[in-house]
Amino acid sequence: MQEEFPDCVYFFQLADMTTQILNFGLAAPIDVQVGGRNNAEDYKIAQELKNEIARIPGTSDVNIFQEPNYPQINVNVDRVKSEQVGLTQRDVVGSMLVSLSASGQLSTL
């Protein structure tokens, strides 16, 4: 996959007992999280941490689980027109979920 899609990042979480039960659903026994108000700076810090952690003897499969460059679709709904045909924001979001088969990041502003 790396040859055909060099700009993509792949991560496969194993469906094993250790991951699902003993690690409380976390992707690894050690889970480091970086958070803040500046996504670009936070991601830079996460990359630096990843590189430092990868140098520790005995570590393997060190990765950043949440990549910031994910595809995005913005849908602007005219609430007046949608109400005229009997659709609520919940109806619109439900239709989008079915179409996209996902529930990742949704906002009904």
PDB file of N, CA and C in Angstrom:
ATOM      1  N   MET A   1       0.826  -1.197   0.000  1.00  0.00           N
ATOM      2  CA  MET A   1       0.000   0.000   0.000  1.00  0.00           C
ATOM      3  C   MET A   1       0.864   1.252   0.000  1.00  0.00           C
ATOM      4  N   GLN A   2       2.013   1.190   0.659  1.00  0.00           N
ATOM      5  CA  GLN A   2       2.876   2.358   0.738  1.00  0.00           C
ATOM      6  C   GLN A   2       3.361   2.790  -0.641  1.00  0.00           C
ATOM      7  N   GLU A   3       3.594   1.829  -1.543  1.00  0.00           N
ATOM      8  CA  GLU A   3       4.052   2.160  -2.891  1.00  0.00           C
ATOM      9  C   GLU A   3       2.953   2.844  -3.699  1.00  0.00           C
ATOM     10  N   GLU A   4       1.719   2.367  -3.563  1.00  0.00           N
ATOM     11  CA  GLU A   4       0.615   2.948  -4.330  1.00  0.00           C
ATOM     12  C   GLU A   4       0.094   4.247  -3.736  1.00  0.00           C
ATOM     13  N   PHE A   5       0.164   4.376  -2.408  1.00  0.00           N
ATOM     14  CA  PHE A   5      -0.353   5.557  -1.720  1.00  0.00           C
ATOM     15  C   PHE A   5       0.709   6.097  -0.759  1.00  0.00           C
ATOM     16  N   PRO A   6       1.767   6.709  -1.300  1.00  0.00           N
ATOM     17  CA  PRO A   6       2.877   7.127  -0.433  1.00  0.00           C
ATOM     18  C   PRO A   6       2.528   8.253   0.533  1.00  0.00           C
ATOM     19  N   ASP A   7       1.487   9.026   0.259  1.00  0.00           N
ATOM     20  CA  ASP A   7       1.127  10.146   1.141  1.00  0.00           C
ATOM     21  C   ASP A   7       0.201   9.734   2.273  1.00  0.00           C
ATOM     22  N   CYS A   8      -0.189   8.481   2.316  1.00  0.00           N
ATOM     23  CA  CYS A   8      -1.126   8.019   3.338  1.00  0.00           C
ATOM     24  C   CYS A   8      -0.386   7.358   4.496  1.00  0.00           C
ATOM     25  N   VAL A   9      -1.028   7.405   5.664  1.00  0.00           N
ATOM     26  CA  VAL A   9      -0.493   6.759   6.851  1.00  0.00           C
ATOM     27  C   VAL A   9      -1.440   5.625   7.222  1.00  0.00           C
ATOM     28  N   TYR A  10      -0.892   4.449   7.515  1.00  0.00           N
ATOM     29  CA  TYR A  10      -1.715   3.286   7.815  1.00  0.00           C
ATOM     30  C   TYR A  10      -1.443   2.798   9.229  1.00  0.00           C
ATOM     31  N   PHE A  11      -2.507   2.355   9.869  1.00  0.00           N
ATOM     32  CA  PHE A  11      -2.385   1.785  11.201  1.00  0.00           C
ATOM     33  C   PHE A  11      -3.467   0.739  11.345  1.00  0.00           C
ATOM     34  N   PHE A  12      -3.086  -0.469  11.701  1.00  0.00           N
ATOM     35  CA  PHE A  12      -4.045  -1.553  11.869  1.00  0.00           C
ATOM     36  C   PHE A  12      -4.013  -2.004  13.318  1.00  0.00           C
ATOM     37  N   GLN A  13      -5.128  -1.879  13.969  1.00  0.00           N
ATOM     38  CA  GLN A  13      -5.211  -2.297  15.364  1.00  0.00           C
ATOM     39  C   GLN A  13      -5.634  -3.757  15.419  1.00  0.00           C
ATOM     40  N   LEU A  14      -4.867  -4.560  16.113  1.00  0.00           N
ATOM     41  CA  LEU A  14      -5.164  -5.976  16.216  1.00  0.00           C
ATOM     42  C   LEU A  14      -6.414  -6.217  17.060  1.00  0.00           C
ATOM     43  N   ALA A  15      -7.191  -7.181  16.663  1.00  0.00           N
ATOM     44  CA  ALA A  15      -8.385  -7.557  17.421  1.00  0.00           C
ATOM     45  C   ALA A  15      -8.020  -8.709  18.347  1.00  0.00           C
ATOM     46  N   ASP A  16      -7.226  -8.402  19.356  1.00  0.00           N
ATOM     47  CA  ASP A  16      -6.802  -9.446  20.281  1.00  0.00           C
ATOM     48  C   ASP A  16      -7.274  -9.131  21.695  1.00  0.00           C
ATOM     49  N   MET A  17      -7.170 -10.114  22.572  1.00  0.00           N
ATOM     50  CA  MET A  17      -7.651  -9.955  23.940  1.00  0.00           C
ATOM     51  C   MET A  17      -6.873  -8.875  24.692  1.00  0.00           C
ATOM     52  N   THR A  18      -5.572  -8.791  24.451  1.00  0.00           N
ATOM     53  CA  THR A  18      -4.755  -7.806  25.155  1.00  0.00           C
ATOM     54  C   THR A  18      -5.231  -6.396  24.858  1.00  0.00           C
ATOM     55  N   THR A  19      -5.433  -6.092  23.586  1.00  0.00           N
ATOM     56  CA  THR A  19      -5.865  -4.752  23.208  1.00  0.00           C
ATOM     57  C   THR A  19      -7.268  -4.447  23.707  1.00  0.00           C
ATOM     58  N   GLN A  20      -8.169  -5.396  23.578  1.00  0.00           N
ATOM     59  CA  GLN A  20      -9.566  -5.143  23.889  1.00  0.00           C
ATOM     60  C   GLN A  20      -9.866  -5.136  25.380  1.00  0.00           C
ATOM     61  N   ILE A  21      -9.151  -5.922  26.168  1.00  0.00           N
ATOM     62  CA  ILE A  21      -9.492  -6.053  27.585  1.00  0.00           C
ATOM     63  C   ILE A  21      -8.393  -5.511  28.490  1.00  0.00           C
ATOM     64  N   LEU A  22      -7.206  -6.050  28.380  1.00  0.00           N
ATOM     65  CA  LEU A  22      -6.143  -5.700  29.314  1.00  0.00           C
ATOM     66  C   LEU A  22      -5.657  -4.269  29.144  1.00  0.00           C
ATOM     67  N   ASN A  23      -5.692  -3.743  27.930  1.00  0.00           N
ATOM     68  CA  ASN A  23      -5.254  -2.365  27.692  1.00  0.00           C
ATOM     69  C   ASN A  23      -6.429  -1.390  27.694  1.00  0.00           C
ATOM     70  N   PHE A  24      -7.575  -1.827  28.136  1.00  0.00           N
ATOM     71  CA  PHE A  24      -8.776  -0.987  28.227  1.00  0.00           C
ATOM     72  C   PHE A  24      -9.144  -0.362  26.881  1.00  0.00           C
ATOM     73  N   GLY A  25      -8.911  -1.094  25.790  1.00  0.00           N
ATOM     74  CA  GLY A  25      -9.283  -0.603  24.466  1.00  0.00           C
ATOM     75  C   GLY A  25      -8.277   0.325  23.835  1.00  0.00           C
ATOM     76  N   LEU A  26      -7.197   0.661  24.534  1.00  0.00           N
ATOM     77  CA  LEU A  26      -6.173   1.529  23.958  1.00  0.00           C
ATOM     78  C   LEU A  26      -5.396   0.759  22.900  1.00  0.00           C
ATOM     79  N   ALA A  27      -4.827   1.478  21.962  1.00  0.00           N
ATOM     80  CA  ALA A  27      -4.109   0.832  20.867  1.00  0.00           C
ATOM     81  C   ALA A  27      -2.794   0.215  21.301  1.00  0.00           C
ATOM     82  N   ALA A  28      -2.279   0.603  22.459  1.00  0.00           N
ATOM     83  CA  ALA A  28      -0.995   0.094  22.920  1.00  0.00           C
ATOM     84  C   ALA A  28      -0.953   0.132  24.442  1.00  0.00           C
ATOM     85  N   PRO A  29      -0.068  -0.657  25.048  1.00  0.00           N
ATOM     86  CA  PRO A  29       0.057  -0.614  26.507  1.00  0.00           C
ATOM     87  C   PRO A  29       0.445   0.769  27.021  1.00  0.00           C
ATOM     88  N   ILE A  30       1.161   1.531  26.211  1.00  0.00           N
ATOM     89  CA  ILE A  30       1.520   2.901  26.594  1.00  0.00           C
ATOM     90  C   ILE A  30       0.877   3.833  25.590  1.00  0.00           C
ATOM     91  N   ASP A  31       0.054   4.741  26.074  1.00  0.00           N
ATOM     92  CA  ASP A  31      -0.675   5.664  25.216  1.00  0.00           C
ATOM     93  C   ASP A  31      -0.319   7.086  25.633  1.00  0.00           C
ATOM     94  N   VAL A  32       0.373   7.812  24.765  1.00  0.00           N
ATOM     95  CA  VAL A  32       0.764   9.192  25.042  1.00  0.00           C
ATOM     96  C   VAL A  32      -0.162  10.099  24.247  1.00  0.00           C
ATOM     97  N   GLN A  33      -0.757  11.075  24.918  1.00  0.00           N
ATOM     98  CA  GLN A  33      -1.679  11.981  24.249  1.00  0.00           C
ATOM     99  C   GLN A  33      -1.173  13.409  24.352  1.00  0.00           C
ATOM    100  N   VAL A  34      -1.280  14.135  23.240  1.00  0.00           N
ATOM    101  CA  VAL A  34      -0.880  15.540  23.190  1.00  0.00           C
ATOM    102  C   VAL A  34      -2.126  16.337  22.851  1.00  0.00           C
ATOM    103  N   GLY A  35      -2.382  17.386  23.601  1.00  0.00           N
ATOM    104  CA  GLY A  35      -3.556  18.216  23.335  1.00  0.00           C
ATOM    105  C   GLY A  35      -3.246  19.668  23.575  1.00  0.00           C
ATOM    106  N   GLY A  36      -3.950  20.520  22.884  1.00  0.00           N
ATOM    107  CA  GLY A  36      -3.767  21.954  23.037  1.00  0.00           C
ATOM    108  C   GLY A  36      -4.684  22.700  22.088  1.00  0.00           C
ATOM    109  N   ARG A  37      -4.456  23.973  21.954  1.00  0.00           N
ATOM    110  CA  ARG A  37      -5.325  24.815  21.125  1.00  0.00           C
ATOM    111  C   ARG A  37      -4.813  25.020  19.713  1.00  0.00           C
ATOM    112  N   ASN A  38      -3.546  24.693  19.473  1.00  0.00           N
ATOM    113  CA  ASN A  38      -2.950  24.892  18.155  1.00  0.00           C
ATOM    114  C   ASN A  38      -2.650  23.516  17.557  1.00  0.00           C
ATOM    115  N   ASN A  39      -3.529  23.051  16.670  1.00  0.00           N
ATOM    116  CA  ASN A  39      -3.392  21.694  16.118  1.00  0.00           C
ATOM    117  C   ASN A  39      -2.070  21.478  15.405  1.00  0.00           C
ATOM    118  N   ALA A  40      -1.611  22.466  14.648  1.00  0.00           N
ATOM    119  CA  ALA A  40      -0.355  22.305  13.910  1.00  0.00           C
ATOM    120  C   ALA A  40       0.815  22.148  14.882  1.00  0.00           C
ATOM    121  N   GLU A  41       0.862  22.964  15.916  1.00  0.00           N
ATOM    122  CA  GLU A  41       1.937  22.880  16.905  1.00  0.00           C
ATOM    123  C   GLU A  41       1.826  21.589  17.712  1.00  0.00           C
ATOM    124  N   ASP A  42       0.604  21.201  18.061  1.00  0.00           N
ATOM    125  CA  ASP A  42       0.396  19.951  18.802  1.00  0.00           C
ATOM    126  C   ASP A  42       0.885  18.752  17.995  1.00  0.00           C
ATOM    127  N   TYR A  43       0.603  18.757  16.696  1.00  0.00           N
ATOM    128  CA  TYR A  43       1.029  17.657  15.834  1.00  0.00           C
ATOM    129  C   TYR A  43       2.558  17.629  15.732  1.00  0.00           C
ATOM    130  N   LYS A  44       3.175  18.796  15.653  1.00  0.00           N
ATOM    131  CA  LYS A  44       4.633  18.877  15.603  1.00  0.00           C
ATOM    132  C   LYS A  44       5.245  18.267  16.873  1.00  0.00           C
ATOM    133  N   ILE A  45       4.669  18.604  18.021  1.00  0.00           N
ATOM    134  CA  ILE A  45       5.136  18.048  19.297  1.00  0.00           C
ATOM    135  C   ILE A  45       4.942  16.529  19.306  1.00  0.00           C
ATOM    136  N   ALA A  46       3.803  16.062  18.799  1.00  0.00           N
ATOM    137  CA  ALA A  46       3.530  14.621  18.753  1.00  0.00           C
ATOM    138  C   ALA A  46       4.561  13.906  17.878  1.00  0.00           C
ATOM    139  N   GLN A  47       4.941  14.512  16.758  1.00  0.00           N
ATOM    140  CA  GLN A  47       5.955  13.914  15.890  1.00  0.00           C
ATOM    141  C   GLN A  47       7.310  13.840  16.603  1.00  0.00           C
ATOM    142  N   GLU A  48       7.656  14.898  17.315  1.00  0.00           N
ATOM    143  CA  GLU A  48       8.927  14.896  18.061  1.00  0.00           C
ATOM    144  C   GLU A  48       8.919  13.812  19.138  1.00  0.00           C
ATOM    145  N   LEU A  49       7.802  13.687  19.848  1.00  0.00           N
ATOM    146  CA  LEU A  49       7.686  12.635  20.867  1.00  0.00           C
ATOM    147  C   LEU A  49       7.781  11.250  20.240  1.00  0.00           C
ATOM    148  N   LYS A  50       7.128  11.079  19.122  1.00  0.00           N
ATOM    149  CA  LYS A  50       7.161   9.788  18.426  1.00  0.00           C
ATOM    150  C   LYS A  50       8.593   9.412  18.081  1.00  0.00           C
ATOM    151  N   ASN A  51       9.345  10.368  17.544  1.00  0.00           N
ATOM    152  CA  ASN A  51      10.739  10.093  17.181  1.00  0.00           C
ATOM    153  C   ASN A  51      11.585   9.764  18.399  1.00  0.00           C
ATOM    154  N   GLU A  52      11.369  10.469  19.496  1.00  0.00           N
ATOM    155  CA  GLU A  52      12.127  10.199  20.721  1.00  0.00           C
ATOM    156  C   GLU A  52      11.768   8.828  21.301  1.00  0.00           C
ATOM    157  N   ILE A  53      10.489   8.514  21.336  1.00  0.00           N
ATOM    158  CA  ILE A  53      10.036   7.236  21.885  1.00  0.00           C
ATOM    159  C   ILE A  53      10.534   6.080  21.027  1.00  0.00           C
ATOM    160  N   ALA A  54      10.564   6.255  19.713  1.00  0.00           N
ATOM    161  CA  ALA A  54      11.009   5.193  18.805  1.00  0.00           C
ATOM    162  C   ALA A  54      12.476   4.826  19.038  1.00  0.00           C
ATOM    163  N   ARG A  55      13.247   5.755  19.607  1.00  0.00           N
ATOM    164  CA  ARG A  55      14.666   5.489  19.876  1.00  0.00           C
ATOM    165  C   ARG A  55      14.885   4.667  21.148  1.00  0.00           C
ATOM    166  N   ILE A  56      13.858   4.494  21.951  1.00  0.00           N
ATOM    167  CA  ILE A  56      13.980   3.722  23.186  1.00  0.00           C
ATOM    168  C   ILE A  56      14.103   2.239  22.833  1.00  0.00           C
ATOM    169  N   PRO A  57      15.147   1.565  23.323  1.00  0.00           N
ATOM    170  CA  PRO A  57      15.322   0.141  23.005  1.00  0.00           C
ATOM    171  C   PRO A  57      14.095  -0.679  23.452  1.00  0.00           C
ATOM    172  N   GLY A  58      13.649  -1.557  22.571  1.00  0.00           N
ATOM    173  CA  GLY A  58      12.530  -2.429  22.884  1.00  0.00           C
ATOM    174  C   GLY A  58      11.185  -1.922  22.397  1.00  0.00           C
ATOM    175  N   THR A  59      11.131  -0.678  21.945  1.00  0.00           N
ATOM    176  CA  THR A  59       9.850  -0.184  21.423  1.00  0.00           C
ATOM    177  C   THR A  59       9.655  -0.651  19.991  1.00  0.00           C
ATOM    178  N   SER A  60       8.413  -0.821  19.613  1.00  0.00           N
ATOM    179  CA  SER A  60       8.097  -1.202  18.234  1.00  0.00           C
ATOM    180  C   SER A  60       6.747  -0.603  17.866  1.00  0.00           C
ATOM    181  N   ASP A  61       6.543  -0.418  16.592  1.00  0.00           N
ATOM    182  CA  ASP A  61       5.274   0.101  16.066  1.00  0.00           C
ATOM    183  C   ASP A  61       4.864   1.409  16.729  1.00  0.00           C
ATOM    184  N   VAL A  62       5.792   2.318  16.897  1.00  0.00           N
ATOM    185  CA  VAL A  62       5.473   3.638  17.454  1.00  0.00           C
ATOM    186  C   VAL A  62       4.811   4.442  16.350  1.00  0.00           C
ATOM    187  N   ASN A  63       3.629   4.963  16.613  1.00  0.00           N
ATOM    188  CA  ASN A  63       2.925   5.714  15.576  1.00  0.00           C
ATOM    189  C   ASN A  63       2.044   6.793  16.193  1.00  0.00           C
ATOM    190  N   ILE A  64       1.618   7.697  15.340  1.00  0.00           N
ATOM    191  CA  ILE A  64       0.651   8.724  15.725  1.00  0.00           C
ATOM    192  C   ILE A  64      -0.691   8.234  15.213  1.00  0.00           C
ATOM    193  N   PHE A  65      -1.593   7.987  16.135  1.00  0.00           N
ATOM    194  CA  PHE A  65      -2.869   7.367  15.780  1.00  0.00           C
ATOM    195  C   PHE A  65      -3.801   8.340  15.056  1.00  0.00           C
ATOM    196  N   GLN A  66      -3.828   9.593  15.451  1.00  0.00           N
ATOM    197  CA  GLN A  66      -4.736  10.558  14.836  1.00  0.00           C
ATOM    198  C   GLN A  66      -3.960  11.511  13.949  1.00  0.00           C
ATOM    199  N   GLU A  67      -4.070  11.311  12.666  1.00  0.00           N
ATOM    200  CA  GLU A  67      -3.418  12.196  11.711  1.00  0.00           C
ATOM    201  C   GLU A  67      -4.315  13.403  11.450  1.00  0.00           C
ATOM    202  N   PRO A  68      -3.746  14.605  11.394  1.00  0.00           N
ATOM    203  CA  PRO A  68      -4.579  15.805  11.222  1.00  0.00           C
ATOM    204  C   PRO A  68      -5.031  16.060   9.795  1.00  0.00           C
ATOM    205  N   ASN A  69      -4.434  15.423   8.823  1.00  0.00           N
ATOM    206  CA  ASN A  69      -4.763  15.705   7.422  1.00  0.00           C
ATOM    207  C   ASN A  69      -5.800  14.725   6.877  1.00  0.00           C
ATOM    208  N   TYR A  70      -6.925  14.628   7.565  1.00  0.00           N
ATOM    209  CA  TYR A  70      -7.961  13.710   7.134  1.00  0.00           C
ATOM    210  C   TYR A  70      -8.904  14.423   6.153  1.00  0.00           C
ATOM    211  N   PRO A  71      -9.592  13.657   5.300  1.00  0.00           N
ATOM    212  CA  PRO A  71     -10.532  14.277   4.361  1.00  0.00           C
ATOM    213  C   PRO A  71     -11.674  14.953   5.111  1.00  0.00           C
ATOM    214  N   GLN A  72     -12.197  16.003   4.534  1.00  0.00           N
ATOM    215  CA  GLN A  72     -13.251  16.760   5.208  1.00  0.00           C
ATOM    216  C   GLN A  72     -14.294  17.196   4.187  1.00  0.00           C
ATOM    217  N   ILE A  73     -15.541  17.111   4.583  1.00  0.00           N
ATOM    218  CA  ILE A  73     -16.650  17.591   3.758  1.00  0.00           C
ATOM    219  C   ILE A  73     -17.455  18.554   4.608  1.00  0.00           C
ATOM    220  N   ASN A  74     -17.624  19.768   4.124  1.00  0.00           N
ATOM    221  CA  ASN A  74     -18.449  20.755   4.814  1.00  0.00           C
ATOM    222  C   ASN A  74     -19.785  20.858   4.099  1.00  0.00           C
ATOM    223  N   VAL A  75     -20.858  20.693   4.828  1.00  0.00           N
ATOM    224  CA  VAL A  75     -22.199  20.770   4.265  1.00  0.00           C
ATOM    225  C   VAL A  75     -22.940  21.902   4.965  1.00  0.00           C
ATOM    226  N   ASN A  76     -23.353  22.885   4.194  1.00  0.00           N
ATOM    227  CA  ASN A  76     -24.135  24.000   4.738  1.00  0.00           C
ATOM    228  C   ASN A  76     -25.598  23.771   4.393  1.00  0.00           C
ATOM    229  N   VAL A  77     -26.436  23.714   5.403  1.00  0.00           N
ATOM    230  CA  VAL A  77     -27.856  23.440   5.206  1.00  0.00           C
ATOM    231  C   VAL A  77     -28.647  24.724   5.445  1.00  0.00           C
ATOM    232  N   ASP A  78     -29.505  25.050   4.500  1.00  0.00           N
ATOM    233  CA  ASP A  78     -30.412  26.177   4.669  1.00  0.00           C
ATOM    234  C   ASP A  78     -31.540  25.694   5.581  1.00  0.00           C
ATOM    235  N   ARG A  79     -31.503  26.132   6.837  1.00  0.00           N
ATOM    236  CA  ARG A  79     -32.468  25.626   7.825  1.00  0.00           C
ATOM    237  C   ARG A  79     -33.905  26.000   7.488  1.00  0.00           C
ATOM    238  N   VAL A  80     -34.103  27.152   6.892  1.00  0.00           N
ATOM    239  CA  VAL A  80     -35.461  27.565   6.528  1.00  0.00           C
ATOM    240  C   VAL A  80     -36.028  26.619   5.479  1.00  0.00           C
ATOM    241  N   LYS A  81     -35.243  26.369   4.427  1.00  0.00           N
ATOM    242  CA  LYS A  81     -35.717  25.478   3.364  1.00  0.00           C
ATOM    243  C   LYS A  81     -35.876  24.041   3.862  1.00  0.00           C
ATOM    244  N   SER A  82     -34.943  23.587   4.717  1.00  0.00           N
ATOM    245  CA  SER A  82     -35.057  22.219   5.218  1.00  0.00           C
ATOM    246  C   SER A  82     -36.290  22.061   6.102  1.00  0.00           C
ATOM    247  N   GLU A  83     -36.606  23.089   6.900  1.00  0.00           N
ATOM    248  CA  GLU A  83     -37.817  23.045   7.731  1.00  0.00           C
ATOM    249  C   GLU A  83     -39.072  23.052   6.863  1.00  0.00           C
ATOM    250  N   GLN A  84     -39.027  23.747   5.738  1.00  0.00           N
ATOM    251  CA  GLN A  84     -40.193  23.807   4.846  1.00  0.00           C
ATOM    252  C   GLN A  84     -40.544  22.433   4.279  1.00  0.00           C
ATOM    253  N   VAL A  85     -39.542  21.575   4.118  1.00  0.00           N
ATOM    254  CA  VAL A  85     -39.808  20.225   3.616  1.00  0.00           C
ATOM    255  C   VAL A  85     -39.848  19.201   4.736  1.00  0.00           C
ATOM    256  N   GLY A  86     -39.781  19.691   5.989  1.00  0.00           N
ATOM    257  CA  GLY A  86     -39.939  18.816   7.146  1.00  0.00           C
ATOM    258  C   GLY A  86     -38.674  18.113   7.611  1.00  0.00           C
ATOM    259  N   LEU A  87     -37.514  18.658   7.274  1.00  0.00           N
ATOM    260  CA  LEU A  87     -36.258  18.052   7.708  1.00  0.00           C
ATOM    261  C   LEU A  87     -35.628  18.853   8.837  1.00  0.00           C
ATOM    262  N   THR A  88     -35.163  18.140   9.855  1.00  0.00           N
ATOM    263  CA  THR A  88     -34.441  18.788  10.948  1.00  0.00           C
ATOM    264  C   THR A  88     -32.942  18.595  10.726  1.00  0.00           C
ATOM    265  N   GLN A  89     -32.135  19.264  11.526  1.00  0.00           N
ATOM    266  CA  GLN A  89     -30.691  19.071  11.435  1.00  0.00           C
ATOM    267  C   GLN A  89     -30.328  17.619  11.735  1.00  0.00           C
ATOM    268  N   ARG A  90     -31.042  17.007  12.651  1.00  0.00           N
ATOM    269  CA  ARG A  90     -30.804  15.596  12.977  1.00  0.00           C
ATOM    270  C   ARG A  90     -31.066  14.708  11.753  1.00  0.00           C
ATOM    271  N   ASP A  91     -32.096  15.015  10.985  1.00  0.00           N
ATOM    272  CA  ASP A  91     -32.385  14.252   9.762  1.00  0.00           C
ATOM    273  C   ASP A  91     -31.237  14.369   8.759  1.00  0.00           C
ATOM    274  N   VAL A  92     -30.726  15.575   8.599  1.00  0.00           N
ATOM    275  CA  VAL A  92     -29.633  15.808   7.653  1.00  0.00           C
ATOM    276  C   VAL A  92     -28.385  15.056   8.090  1.00  0.00           C
ATOM    277  N   VAL A  93     -28.045  15.157   9.374  1.00  0.00           N
ATOM    278  CA  VAL A  93     -26.863  14.459   9.895  1.00  0.00           C
ATOM    279  C   VAL A  93     -27.039  12.953   9.741  1.00  0.00           C
ATOM    280  N   GLY A  94     -28.228  12.436  10.030  1.00  0.00           N
ATOM    281  CA  GLY A  94     -28.487  11.009   9.875  1.00  0.00           C
ATOM    282  C   GLY A  94     -28.281  10.548   8.445  1.00  0.00           C
ATOM    283  N   SER A  95     -28.726  11.349   7.495  1.00  0.00           N
ATOM    284  CA  SER A  95     -28.540  11.006   6.081  1.00  0.00           C
ATOM    285  C   SER A  95     -27.063  11.014   5.706  1.00  0.00           C
ATOM    286  N   MET A  96     -26.318  11.971   6.251  1.00  0.00           N
ATOM    287  CA  MET A  96     -24.888  12.032   5.966  1.00  0.00           C
ATOM    288  C   MET A  96     -24.178  10.803   6.541  1.00  0.00           C
ATOM    289  N   LEU A  97     -24.561  10.387   7.752  1.00  0.00           N
ATOM    290  CA  LEU A  97     -23.936   9.218   8.373  1.00  0.00           C
ATOM    291  C   LEU A  97     -24.156   7.971   7.532  1.00  0.00           C
ATOM    292  N   VAL A  98     -25.367   7.816   7.023  1.00  0.00           N
ATOM    293  CA  VAL A  98     -25.664   6.652   6.196  1.00  0.00           C
ATOM    294  C   VAL A  98     -24.841   6.704   4.914  1.00  0.00           C
ATOM    295  N   SER A  99     -24.749   7.899   4.312  1.00  0.00           N
ATOM    296  CA  SER A  99     -24.010   8.038   3.052  1.00  0.00           C
ATOM    297  C   SER A  99     -22.522   7.819   3.245  1.00  0.00           C
ATOM    298  N   LEU A 100     -21.970   8.283   4.350  1.00  0.00           N
ATOM    299  CA  LEU A 100     -20.533   8.205   4.572  1.00  0.00           C
ATOM    300  C   LEU A 100     -20.124   6.985   5.388  1.00  0.00           C
ATOM    301  N   SER A 101     -21.074   6.280   5.957  1.00  0.00           N
ATOM    302  CA  SER A 101     -20.809   5.117   6.802  1.00  0.00           C
ATOM    303  C   SER A 101     -19.820   5.442   7.904  1.00  0.00           C
ATOM    304  N   ALA A 102     -20.004   6.584   8.553  1.00  0.00           N
ATOM    305  CA  ALA A 102     -19.084   6.991   9.614  1.00  0.00           C
ATOM    306  C   ALA A 102     -19.785   7.919  10.592  1.00  0.00           C
ATOM    307  N   SER A 103     -19.162   8.061  11.740  1.00  0.00           N
ATOM    308  CA  SER A 103     -19.685   9.013  12.728  1.00  0.00           C
ATOM    309  C   SER A 103     -18.539   9.803  13.349  1.00  0.00           C
ATOM    310  N   GLY A 104     -17.441   9.915  12.632  1.00  0.00           N
ATOM    311  CA  GLY A 104     -16.232  10.557  13.138  1.00  0.00           C
ATOM    312  C   GLY A 104     -16.439  11.911  13.771  1.00  0.00           C
ATOM    313  N   GLN A 105     -16.353  12.957  13.027  1.00  0.00           N
ATOM    314  CA  GLN A 105     -16.448  14.304  13.553  1.00  0.00           C
ATOM    315  C   GLN A 105     -17.618  15.002  12.881  1.00  0.00           C
ATOM    316  N   LEU A 106     -18.660  15.276  13.646  1.00  0.00           N
ATOM    317  CA  LEU A 106     -19.828  15.954  13.103  1.00  0.00           C
ATOM    318  C   LEU A 106     -20.179  17.147  13.954  1.00  0.00           C
ATOM    319  N   SER A 107     -20.628  18.194  13.300  1.00  0.00           N
ATOM    320  CA  SER A 107     -21.043  19.389  14.022  1.00  0.00           C
ATOM    321  C   SER A 107     -22.296  19.920  13.366  1.00  0.00           C
ATOM    322  N   THR A 108     -23.307  20.181  14.157  1.00  0.00           N
ATOM    323  CA  THR A 108     -24.556  20.735  13.634  1.00  0.00           C
ATOM    324  C   THR A 108     -24.663  22.172  14.113  1.00  0.00           C
ATOM    325  N   LEU A 109     -23.872  23.032  13.526  1.00  0.00           N
ATOM    326  CA  LEU A 109     -23.879  24.453  13.894  1.00  0.00           C
ATOM    327  C   LEU A 109     -24.977  25.207  13.191  1.00  0.00           C
TER     328      LEU A 109
END
